[in-house]
Amino acid sequence: SIPQDIEFVIGFGSQKVDDPRKGFTYFVDAIKLLYSKLTEQERKKVLLLSIGKNEERIKSMFPFKMMCLGYMPFDKLSEFYSLSDVFVCTSVNDAGPSMVGQAISCGTPVVGFEMGALLDWVLNKGTGYCAKLRDSNELSDLLLKLFRMQRGDRNALSEHCRSVALSYSMDNRVEYWMSLYDKYRKIS
């Protein structure tokens, strides 16, 4: 039920908005900055799509149209990622989160801060963009870059996300770790 006039869907999770590690305040600032950088016509083409339990609490924080899907069971998350043109990882102090790999596996590029799973899945991988840690302005610039990207380029980015995710198959990872083991065993 996404409106026909929407051309860019920003997906994000809102499960723990009060946990400072999750960086939600930086995300709110980045979205407000993004809004200020868009024309009135462009603003009408953006939709925020959230999952989590904070619908009533967060809706008033954002200037864009917004749909809150509420809690999503694990087996339904792929539908959420597939509806999004980008998944924003708001975390600023987190070893994961697992949602980064899940989004990329669904062909959804990720934008977030340089930390945790983004260092492995996104940084220099062509699967999205990393902003400096806690830099809301840079995060908004990266979202703007994706928004203004040609549809064909966005589709190519999505396809690349899928190919990167598929390269992380269990067989590939076992082979990689075994090669590291052999390499370092020979050194010692």
N, C-alpha and C. Protein backbone atom coordinates (compact mmCIF):
# COMPACT_ATOMS: atom_id res chain seq x y z
N SER A 1 0.81 -1.20 0.00
CA SER A 1 0.00 0.00 0.00
C SER A 1 0.86 1.28 0.00
N ILE A 2 2.03 1.19 -0.62
CA ILE A 2 2.87 2.38 -0.75
C ILE A 2 2.27 3.26 -1.85
N PRO A 3 2.07 4.55 -1.57
CA PRO A 3 1.46 5.45 -2.56
C PRO A 3 2.24 5.48 -3.88
N GLN A 4 1.52 5.65 -4.98
CA GLN A 4 2.11 5.63 -6.32
C GLN A 4 3.14 6.74 -6.54
N ASP A 5 2.99 7.88 -5.87
CA ASP A 5 3.90 9.00 -6.09
C ASP A 5 5.24 8.85 -5.37
N ILE A 6 5.40 7.81 -4.59
CA ILE A 6 6.64 7.58 -3.84
C ILE A 6 7.68 6.94 -4.76
N GLU A 7 8.87 7.53 -4.78
CA GLU A 7 9.96 7.01 -5.61
C GLU A 7 11.16 6.56 -4.80
N PHE A 8 11.18 6.87 -3.51
CA PHE A 8 12.34 6.53 -2.69
C PHE A 8 11.87 6.17 -1.29
N VAL A 9 12.11 4.92 -0.90
CA VAL A 9 11.68 4.41 0.41
C VAL A 9 12.91 4.19 1.28
N ILE A 10 12.92 4.86 2.42
CA ILE A 10 14.02 4.74 3.39
C ILE A 10 13.54 3.84 4.51
N GLY A 11 14.09 2.65 4.59
CA GLY A 11 13.73 1.70 5.64
C GLY A 11 14.64 1.83 6.84
N PHE A 12 14.08 1.64 8.03
CA PHE A 12 14.88 1.68 9.25
C PHE A 12 14.13 0.94 10.35
N GLY A 13 14.88 0.57 11.39
CA GLY A 13 14.30 -0.09 12.54
C GLY A 13 14.20 0.87 13.70
N SER A 14 13.19 0.71 14.53
CA SER A 14 12.99 1.63 15.66
C SER A 14 12.68 0.87 16.95
N GLN A 15 13.35 -0.23 17.15
CA GLN A 15 13.06 -1.06 18.31
C GLN A 15 13.52 -0.43 19.62
N LYS A 16 14.73 0.14 19.62
CA LYS A 16 15.32 0.66 20.87
C LYS A 16 15.75 2.11 20.67
N VAL A 17 14.79 3.00 20.52
CA VAL A 17 15.11 4.40 20.21
C VAL A 17 15.78 5.15 21.36
N ASP A 18 15.67 4.65 22.58
CA ASP A 18 16.29 5.32 23.73
C ASP A 18 17.70 4.80 24.05
N ASP A 19 18.10 3.72 23.42
CA ASP A 19 19.42 3.15 23.68
C ASP A 19 20.46 3.97 22.91
N PRO A 20 21.36 4.68 23.61
CA PRO A 20 22.34 5.53 22.92
C PRO A 20 23.20 4.78 21.91
N ARG A 21 23.43 3.49 22.13
CA ARG A 21 24.23 2.70 21.20
C ARG A 21 23.58 2.60 19.82
N LYS A 22 22.25 2.73 19.78
CA LYS A 22 21.52 2.56 18.53
C LYS A 22 21.48 3.84 17.69
N GLY A 23 21.92 4.98 18.23
CA GLY A 23 22.11 6.20 17.45
C GLY A 23 20.88 6.81 16.83
N PHE A 24 19.73 6.57 17.40
CA PHE A 24 18.49 7.03 16.76
C PHE A 24 18.43 8.56 16.64
N THR A 25 18.98 9.28 17.61
CA THR A 25 18.94 10.74 17.55
C THR A 25 19.74 11.27 16.36
N TYR A 26 20.83 10.59 16.01
CA TYR A 26 21.63 11.00 14.84
C TYR A 26 20.82 10.77 13.56
N PHE A 27 20.06 9.71 13.54
CA PHE A 27 19.22 9.41 12.39
C PHE A 27 18.12 10.47 12.23
N VAL A 28 17.47 10.83 13.32
CA VAL A 28 16.44 11.86 13.26
C VAL A 28 17.04 13.15 12.71
N ASP A 29 18.21 13.53 13.20
CA ASP A 29 18.88 14.74 12.70
C ASP A 29 19.20 14.61 11.21
N ALA A 30 19.68 13.45 10.80
CA ALA A 30 20.03 13.25 9.38
C ALA A 30 18.80 13.36 8.49
N ILE A 31 17.68 12.82 8.93
CA ILE A 31 16.45 12.90 8.13
C ILE A 31 15.97 14.34 8.02
N LYS A 32 16.06 15.10 9.10
CA LYS A 32 15.67 16.51 9.05
C LYS A 32 16.60 17.28 8.11
N LEU A 33 17.88 16.96 8.14
CA LEU A 33 18.83 17.61 7.23
C LEU A 33 18.53 17.23 5.78
N LEU A 34 18.23 15.96 5.55
CA LEU A 34 17.88 15.53 4.20
C LEU A 34 16.67 16.30 3.69
N TYR A 35 15.68 16.43 4.52
CA TYR A 35 14.46 17.16 4.17
C TYR A 35 14.80 18.59 3.74
N SER A 36 15.71 19.23 4.47
CA SER A 36 16.08 20.62 4.16
C SER A 36 16.87 20.74 2.85
N LYS A 37 17.48 19.66 2.40
CA LYS A 37 18.29 19.67 1.19
C LYS A 37 17.49 19.33 -0.07
N LEU A 38 16.25 18.90 0.11
CA LEU A 38 15.40 18.52 -1.02
C LEU A 38 14.45 19.66 -1.40
N THR A 39 14.07 19.67 -2.66
CA THR A 39 13.05 20.61 -3.09
C THR A 39 11.68 20.11 -2.59
N GLU A 40 10.69 20.96 -2.66
CA GLU A 40 9.33 20.57 -2.24
C GLU A 40 8.84 19.37 -3.06
N GLN A 41 9.12 19.37 -4.36
CA GLN A 41 8.71 18.25 -5.23
C GLN A 41 9.41 16.97 -4.84
N GLU A 42 10.71 17.06 -4.55
CA GLU A 42 11.47 15.87 -4.16
C GLU A 42 10.97 15.30 -2.83
N ARG A 43 10.63 16.16 -1.90
CA ARG A 43 10.16 15.72 -0.59
C ARG A 43 8.92 14.84 -0.70
N LYS A 44 8.07 15.12 -1.68
CA LYS A 44 6.84 14.35 -1.87
C LYS A 44 7.10 12.93 -2.37
N LYS A 45 8.31 12.67 -2.85
CA LYS A 45 8.66 11.37 -3.42
C LYS A 45 9.30 10.42 -2.41
N VAL A 46 9.50 10.90 -1.18
CA VAL A 46 10.20 10.12 -0.16
C VAL A 46 9.21 9.58 0.87
N LEU A 47 9.43 8.33 1.25
CA LEU A 47 8.64 7.70 2.31
C LEU A 47 9.58 7.05 3.30
N LEU A 48 9.33 7.25 4.57
CA LEU A 48 10.05 6.53 5.62
C LEU A 48 9.23 5.30 5.98
N LEU A 49 9.91 4.16 6.03
CA LEU A 49 9.25 2.89 6.34
C LEU A 49 9.95 2.29 7.55
N SER A 50 9.23 2.19 8.66
CA SER A 50 9.87 1.70 9.88
C SER A 50 9.27 0.39 10.34
N ILE A 51 10.12 -0.36 11.04
CA ILE A 51 9.65 -1.53 11.77
C ILE A 51 10.07 -1.33 13.22
N GLY A 52 9.33 -1.89 14.12
CA GLY A 52 9.60 -1.73 15.55
C GLY A 52 8.32 -1.36 16.28
N LYS A 53 8.46 -1.17 17.57
CA LYS A 53 7.28 -0.98 18.42
C LYS A 53 7.03 0.48 18.82
N ASN A 54 7.64 1.44 18.18
CA ASN A 54 7.56 2.82 18.64
C ASN A 54 6.79 3.74 17.72
N GLU A 55 5.84 3.23 16.97
CA GLU A 55 5.12 4.00 15.96
C GLU A 55 4.62 5.35 16.46
N GLU A 56 3.81 5.35 17.48
CA GLU A 56 3.22 6.61 17.95
C GLU A 56 4.28 7.57 18.46
N ARG A 57 5.29 7.04 19.05
CA ARG A 57 6.33 7.87 19.65
C ARG A 57 7.22 8.55 18.61
N ILE A 58 7.50 7.87 17.49
CA ILE A 58 8.47 8.42 16.55
C ILE A 58 7.86 9.17 15.37
N LYS A 59 6.61 8.92 15.05
CA LYS A 59 6.01 9.54 13.87
C LYS A 59 6.15 11.05 13.84
N SER A 60 5.99 11.70 14.95
CA SER A 60 6.06 13.16 14.99
C SER A 60 7.49 13.70 14.89
N MET A 61 8.48 12.82 14.95
CA MET A 61 9.88 13.25 14.89
C MET A 61 10.34 13.55 13.47
N PHE A 62 9.60 13.09 12.47
CA PHE A 62 10.08 13.15 11.09
C PHE A 62 9.20 14.02 10.21
N PRO A 63 9.81 14.76 9.28
CA PRO A 63 9.03 15.63 8.40
C PRO A 63 8.45 14.93 7.17
N PHE A 64 8.92 13.74 6.83
CA PHE A 64 8.45 13.03 5.65
C PHE A 64 7.20 12.20 5.95
N LYS A 65 6.53 11.77 4.88
CA LYS A 65 5.47 10.77 5.02
C LYS A 65 6.10 9.53 5.63
N MET A 66 5.31 8.83 6.42
CA MET A 66 5.88 7.68 7.10
C MET A 66 4.85 6.56 7.24
N MET A 67 5.32 5.34 7.08
CA MET A 67 4.51 4.15 7.35
C MET A 67 5.25 3.32 8.38
N CYS A 68 4.56 2.93 9.41
CA CYS A 68 5.13 2.09 10.46
C CYS A 68 4.51 0.70 10.35
N LEU A 69 5.34 -0.29 10.18
CA LEU A 69 4.86 -1.66 10.02
C LEU A 69 4.78 -2.41 11.34
N GLY A 70 5.26 -1.80 12.42
CA GLY A 70 5.23 -2.47 13.71
C GLY A 70 6.26 -3.57 13.80
N TYR A 71 6.04 -4.46 14.74
CA TYR A 71 6.95 -5.59 14.93
C TYR A 71 6.85 -6.52 13.72
N MET A 72 8.00 -6.94 13.20
CA MET A 72 8.04 -7.89 12.08
C MET A 72 8.76 -9.15 12.54
N PRO A 73 8.11 -10.29 12.43
CA PRO A 73 8.82 -11.53 12.76
C PRO A 73 9.96 -11.76 11.76
N PHE A 74 10.95 -12.49 12.20
CA PHE A 74 12.16 -12.70 11.40
C PHE A 74 11.85 -13.19 9.99
N ASP A 75 10.88 -14.10 9.86
CA ASP A 75 10.58 -14.68 8.55
C ASP A 75 9.87 -13.70 7.61
N LYS A 76 9.51 -12.51 8.08
CA LYS A 76 8.86 -11.49 7.25
C LYS A 76 9.79 -10.31 6.94
N LEU A 77 10.97 -10.29 7.53
CA LEU A 77 11.88 -9.15 7.34
C LEU A 77 12.27 -8.95 5.87
N SER A 78 12.39 -10.01 5.12
CA SER A 78 12.79 -9.87 3.71
C SER A 78 11.77 -9.02 2.94
N GLU A 79 10.50 -9.09 3.31
CA GLU A 79 9.49 -8.26 2.66
C GLU A 79 9.74 -6.78 2.96
N PHE A 80 10.08 -6.47 4.19
CA PHE A 80 10.40 -5.10 4.58
C PHE A 80 11.60 -4.58 3.79
N TYR A 81 12.69 -5.36 3.75
CA TYR A 81 13.88 -4.92 3.03
C TYR A 81 13.58 -4.73 1.54
N SER A 82 12.79 -5.62 0.99
CA SER A 82 12.47 -5.55 -0.45
C SER A 82 11.63 -4.34 -0.80
N LEU A 83 10.88 -3.81 0.14
CA LEU A 83 10.10 -2.59 -0.09
C LEU A 83 10.97 -1.33 -0.04
N SER A 84 12.14 -1.43 0.57
CA SER A 84 13.00 -0.27 0.80
C SER A 84 14.02 -0.09 -0.31
N ASP A 85 14.27 1.16 -0.69
CA ASP A 85 15.35 1.47 -1.63
C ASP A 85 16.69 1.53 -0.91
N VAL A 86 16.65 1.77 0.39
CA VAL A 86 17.85 1.82 1.21
C VAL A 86 17.43 1.44 2.63
N PHE A 87 18.33 0.76 3.32
CA PHE A 87 18.13 0.50 4.74
C PHE A 87 19.15 1.35 5.49
N VAL A 88 18.69 2.12 6.46
CA VAL A 88 19.59 2.95 7.25
C VAL A 88 19.85 2.26 8.58
N CYS A 89 21.12 2.00 8.82
CA CYS A 89 21.56 1.44 10.09
C CYS A 89 21.95 2.62 10.97
N THR A 90 21.21 2.85 12.03
CA THR A 90 21.42 4.02 12.88
C THR A 90 22.44 3.78 13.99
N SER A 91 22.88 2.56 14.18
CA SER A 91 23.76 2.22 15.31
C SER A 91 25.07 2.98 15.28
N VAL A 92 25.53 3.36 16.48
CA VAL A 92 26.82 4.05 16.62
C VAL A 92 27.79 3.28 17.52
N ASN A 93 27.30 2.21 18.15
CA ASN A 93 28.14 1.40 19.02
C ASN A 93 27.52 0.01 19.10
N ASP A 94 27.86 -0.83 18.14
CA ASP A 94 27.21 -2.13 18.03
C ASP A 94 28.12 -3.05 17.23
N ALA A 95 28.30 -4.26 17.68
CA ALA A 95 29.12 -5.21 16.93
C ALA A 95 28.45 -5.61 15.62
N GLY A 96 27.16 -5.63 15.59
CA GLY A 96 26.39 -5.95 14.39
C GLY A 96 25.99 -4.66 13.74
N PRO A 97 24.79 -4.40 13.55
CA PRO A 97 23.67 -5.31 13.78
C PRO A 97 23.47 -6.26 12.61
N SER A 98 22.78 -7.33 12.86
CA SER A 98 22.54 -8.35 11.84
C SER A 98 21.69 -7.82 10.70
N MET A 99 20.95 -6.74 10.94
CA MET A 99 20.07 -6.19 9.89
C MET A 99 20.86 -5.70 8.68
N VAL A 100 22.14 -5.35 8.87
CA VAL A 100 22.97 -4.90 7.75
C VAL A 100 23.11 -6.03 6.73
N GLY A 101 23.54 -7.19 7.18
CA GLY A 101 23.68 -8.34 6.28
C GLY A 101 22.35 -8.81 5.72
N GLN A 102 21.31 -8.73 6.54
CA GLN A 102 19.98 -9.14 6.06
C GLN A 102 19.51 -8.24 4.92
N ALA A 103 19.68 -6.93 5.07
CA ALA A 103 19.26 -5.99 4.03
C ALA A 103 20.03 -6.24 2.74
N ILE A 104 21.34 -6.35 2.84
CA ILE A 104 22.17 -6.57 1.65
C ILE A 104 21.80 -7.88 0.99
N SER A 105 21.51 -8.90 1.77
CA SER A 105 21.10 -10.19 1.21
C SER A 105 19.81 -10.09 0.42
N CYS A 106 18.99 -9.11 0.74
CA CYS A 106 17.73 -8.89 0.02
C CYS A 106 17.92 -7.91 -1.14
N GLY A 107 19.15 -7.49 -1.39
CA GLY A 107 19.41 -6.56 -2.48
C GLY A 107 19.15 -5.11 -2.11
N THR A 108 19.10 -4.81 -0.83
CA THR A 108 18.85 -3.44 -0.37
C THR A 108 20.15 -2.83 0.13
N PRO A 109 20.63 -1.77 -0.54
CA PRO A 109 21.85 -1.13 -0.06
C PRO A 109 21.66 -0.54 1.33
N VAL A 110 22.77 -0.39 2.04
CA VAL A 110 22.75 0.09 3.42
C VAL A 110 23.54 1.39 3.53
N VAL A 111 23.00 2.32 4.29
CA VAL A 111 23.71 3.54 4.66
C VAL A 111 23.74 3.59 6.18
N GLY A 112 24.89 3.89 6.72
CA GLY A 112 25.02 3.97 8.18
C GLY A 112 26.37 4.52 8.55
N PHE A 113 26.69 4.41 9.81
CA PHE A 113 27.94 4.94 10.33
C PHE A 113 29.04 3.89 10.26
N GLU A 114 30.28 4.35 10.16
CA GLU A 114 31.45 3.48 10.09
C GLU A 114 31.66 2.77 11.43
N MET A 115 31.08 1.60 11.55
CA MET A 115 31.27 0.79 12.76
C MET A 115 30.62 -0.56 12.56
N GLY A 116 30.99 -1.50 13.40
CA GLY A 116 30.35 -2.81 13.42
C GLY A 116 30.27 -3.49 12.07
N ALA A 117 29.12 -4.04 11.77
CA ALA A 117 28.91 -4.83 10.56
C ALA A 117 29.10 -4.01 9.28
N LEU A 118 28.93 -2.70 9.36
CA LEU A 118 29.12 -1.88 8.16
C LEU A 118 30.57 -1.91 7.68
N LEU A 119 31.51 -2.10 8.59
CA LEU A 119 32.91 -2.19 8.20
C LEU A 119 33.16 -3.44 7.36
N ASP A 120 32.42 -4.50 7.64
CA ASP A 120 32.59 -5.76 6.90
C ASP A 120 31.71 -5.84 5.66
N TRP A 121 30.47 -5.36 5.76
CA TRP A 121 29.50 -5.54 4.68
C TRP A 121 29.42 -4.38 3.70
N VAL A 122 29.76 -3.16 4.15
CA VAL A 122 29.50 -1.98 3.32
C VAL A 122 30.77 -1.25 2.91
N LEU A 123 31.64 -0.95 3.86
CA LEU A 123 32.82 -0.14 3.58
C LEU A 123 33.65 -0.75 2.46
N ASN A 124 33.78 -0.02 1.37
CA ASN A 124 34.56 -0.43 0.18
C ASN A 124 34.04 -1.71 -0.49
N LYS A 125 32.78 -2.03 -0.29
CA LYS A 125 32.20 -3.23 -0.91
C LYS A 125 31.21 -2.87 -2.02
N GLY A 126 30.83 -1.60 -2.15
CA GLY A 126 29.87 -1.20 -3.17
C GLY A 126 28.45 -1.62 -2.84
N THR A 127 28.15 -1.79 -1.55
CA THR A 127 26.81 -2.22 -1.13
C THR A 127 26.06 -1.13 -0.39
N GLY A 128 26.57 0.07 -0.44
CA GLY A 128 25.98 1.20 0.25
C GLY A 128 27.06 2.19 0.61
N TYR A 129 26.82 2.97 1.66
CA TYR A 129 27.75 4.02 2.03
C TYR A 129 27.88 4.12 3.55
N CYS A 130 29.10 4.48 3.98
CA CYS A 130 29.37 4.70 5.40
C CYS A 130 29.68 6.16 5.65
N ALA A 131 29.01 6.73 6.64
CA ALA A 131 29.29 8.08 7.10
C ALA A 131 30.23 7.99 8.30
N LYS A 132 30.97 9.06 8.52
CA LYS A 132 31.79 9.11 9.72
C LYS A 132 30.88 8.92 10.94
N LEU A 133 31.42 8.28 11.95
CA LEU A 133 30.66 7.96 13.15
C LEU A 133 30.01 9.21 13.74
N ARG A 134 28.72 9.14 13.96
CA ARG A 134 27.90 10.19 14.57
C ARG A 134 27.81 11.47 13.74
N ASP A 135 28.09 11.40 12.44
CA ASP A 135 28.03 12.58 11.56
C ASP A 135 26.70 12.58 10.81
N SER A 136 25.70 13.21 11.40
CA SER A 136 24.35 13.25 10.81
C SER A 136 24.34 13.95 9.47
N ASN A 137 25.16 14.98 9.30
CA ASN A 137 25.18 15.70 8.04
C ASN A 137 25.70 14.81 6.91
N GLU A 138 26.76 14.07 7.17
CA GLU A 138 27.28 13.16 6.15
C GLU A 138 26.27 12.04 5.85
N LEU A 139 25.61 11.55 6.88
CA LEU A 139 24.58 10.54 6.67
C LEU A 139 23.48 11.07 5.75
N SER A 140 23.07 12.31 5.98
CA SER A 140 22.03 12.91 5.12
C SER A 140 22.54 13.09 3.69
N ASP A 141 23.81 13.46 3.54
CA ASP A 141 24.39 13.61 2.19
C ASP A 141 24.42 12.28 1.44
N LEU A 142 24.70 11.20 2.14
CA LEU A 142 24.74 9.89 1.50
C LEU A 142 23.33 9.44 1.09
N LEU A 143 22.35 9.74 1.90
CA LEU A 143 20.96 9.44 1.53
C LEU A 143 20.54 10.29 0.32
N LEU A 144 20.97 11.53 0.30
CA LEU A 144 20.69 12.41 -0.84
C LEU A 144 21.33 11.87 -2.11
N LYS A 145 22.55 11.38 -1.99
CA LYS A 145 23.25 10.78 -3.13
C LYS A 145 22.46 9.61 -3.71
N LEU A 146 21.97 8.74 -2.84
CA LEU A 146 21.16 7.61 -3.29
C LEU A 146 19.84 8.06 -3.89
N PHE A 147 19.20 9.04 -3.25
CA PHE A 147 17.93 9.55 -3.75
C PHE A 147 18.07 10.10 -5.17
N ARG A 148 19.13 10.81 -5.42
CA ARG A 148 19.33 11.45 -6.73
C ARG A 148 20.00 10.54 -7.76
N MET A 149 20.34 9.34 -7.35
CA MET A 149 20.94 8.36 -8.26
C MET A 149 19.91 7.94 -9.31
N GLN A 150 20.35 7.76 -10.53
CA GLN A 150 19.46 7.29 -11.59
C GLN A 150 18.91 5.91 -11.21
N ARG A 151 17.69 5.63 -11.60
CA ARG A 151 17.03 4.36 -11.27
C ARG A 151 17.87 3.16 -11.74
N GLY A 152 18.44 3.24 -12.92
CA GLY A 152 19.27 2.15 -13.43
C GLY A 152 20.49 1.90 -12.55
N ASP A 153 21.10 2.98 -12.07
CA ASP A 153 22.25 2.84 -11.18
C ASP A 153 21.83 2.25 -9.83
N ARG A 154 20.66 2.66 -9.36
CA ARG A 154 20.16 2.08 -8.10
C ARG A 154 19.88 0.59 -8.26
N ASN A 155 19.32 0.21 -9.42
CA ASN A 155 19.07 -1.21 -9.68
C ASN A 155 20.38 -2.00 -9.73
N ALA A 156 21.40 -1.42 -10.35
CA ALA A 156 22.71 -2.08 -10.42
C ALA A 156 23.30 -2.24 -9.02
N LEU A 157 23.13 -1.23 -8.19
CA LEU A 157 23.60 -1.31 -6.81
C LEU A 157 22.88 -2.43 -6.06
N SER A 158 21.60 -2.55 -6.27
CA SER A 158 20.82 -3.61 -5.64
C SER A 158 21.31 -4.99 -6.09
N GLU A 159 21.54 -5.13 -7.37
CA GLU A 159 22.04 -6.42 -7.88
C GLU A 159 23.42 -6.73 -7.31
N HIS A 160 24.25 -5.71 -7.17
CA HIS A 160 25.58 -5.92 -6.60
C HIS A 160 25.47 -6.37 -5.14
N CYS A 161 24.52 -5.79 -4.41
CA CYS A 161 24.30 -6.22 -3.02
C CYS A 161 24.02 -7.71 -2.96
N ARG A 162 23.15 -8.18 -3.83
CA ARG A 162 22.81 -9.61 -3.85
C ARG A 162 24.04 -10.46 -4.17
N SER A 163 24.85 -10.03 -5.14
CA SER A 163 26.01 -10.84 -5.50
C SER A 163 27.03 -10.88 -4.37
N VAL A 164 27.19 -9.77 -3.66
CA VAL A 164 28.10 -9.76 -2.50
C VAL A 164 27.57 -10.70 -1.43
N ALA A 165 26.28 -10.65 -1.16
CA ALA A 165 25.69 -11.53 -0.14
C ALA A 165 25.88 -12.99 -0.52
N LEU A 166 25.68 -13.32 -1.79
CA LEU A 166 25.83 -14.70 -2.22
C LEU A 166 27.28 -15.17 -2.12
N SER A 167 28.24 -14.25 -2.19
CA SER A 167 29.65 -14.63 -2.05
C SER A 167 29.98 -15.03 -0.61
N TYR A 168 29.08 -14.74 0.31
CA TYR A 168 29.28 -15.10 1.71
C TYR A 168 28.63 -16.44 2.04
N SER A 169 28.57 -17.33 1.07
CA SER A 169 27.99 -18.64 1.34
C SER A 169 28.84 -19.38 2.37
N MET A 170 28.26 -20.37 3.00
CA MET A 170 28.97 -21.13 4.02
C MET A 170 30.24 -21.76 3.42
N ASP A 171 30.14 -22.31 2.23
CA ASP A 171 31.31 -22.93 1.60
C ASP A 171 32.42 -21.91 1.36
N ASN A 172 32.05 -20.72 0.86
CA ASN A 172 33.05 -19.67 0.63
C ASN A 172 33.70 -19.23 1.93
N ARG A 173 32.92 -19.07 2.98
CA ARG A 173 33.47 -18.62 4.26
C ARG A 173 34.39 -19.68 4.86
N VAL A 174 34.01 -20.95 4.79
CA VAL A 174 34.85 -22.02 5.31
C VAL A 174 36.17 -22.05 4.54
N GLU A 175 36.09 -21.94 3.24
CA GLU A 175 37.30 -21.92 2.41
C GLU A 175 38.19 -20.74 2.78
N TYR A 176 37.59 -19.58 2.97
CA TYR A 176 38.35 -18.38 3.35
C TYR A 176 39.04 -18.57 4.70
N TRP A 177 38.31 -19.04 5.71
CA TRP A 177 38.90 -19.21 7.03
C TRP A 177 39.96 -20.30 7.04
N MET A 178 39.76 -21.33 6.27
CA MET A 178 40.78 -22.38 6.18
C MET A 178 42.06 -21.85 5.54
N SER A 179 41.91 -21.01 4.52
CA SER A 179 43.10 -20.43 3.88
C SER A 179 43.85 -19.52 4.85
N LEU A 180 43.13 -18.78 5.67
CA LEU A 180 43.79 -17.95 6.69
C LEU A 180 44.51 -18.82 7.71
N TYR A 181 43.84 -19.88 8.13
CA TYR A 181 44.45 -20.80 9.09
C TYR A 181 45.75 -21.38 8.51
N ASP A 182 45.70 -21.85 7.27
CA ASP A 182 46.89 -22.42 6.65
C ASP A 182 48.00 -21.38 6.51
N LYS A 183 47.63 -20.17 6.12
CA LYS A 183 48.60 -19.10 5.94
C LYS A 183 49.32 -18.80 7.26
N TYR A 184 48.58 -18.62 8.33
CA TYR A 184 49.19 -18.24 9.61
C TYR A 184 49.84 -19.42 10.32
N ARG A 185 49.42 -20.62 10.03
CA ARG A 185 50.07 -21.80 10.60
C ARG A 185 51.48 -21.94 10.03
N LYS A 186 51.63 -21.62 8.74
CA LYS A 186 52.94 -21.71 8.09
C LYS A 186 53.88 -20.63 8.60
N ILE A 187 53.36 -19.48 9.04
CA ILE A 187 54.18 -18.39 9.53
C ILE A 187 54.75 -18.71 10.89
N SER A 188 53.97 -19.38 11.76
CA SER A 188 54.44 -19.62 13.12
C SER A 188 55.38 -20.75 13.25
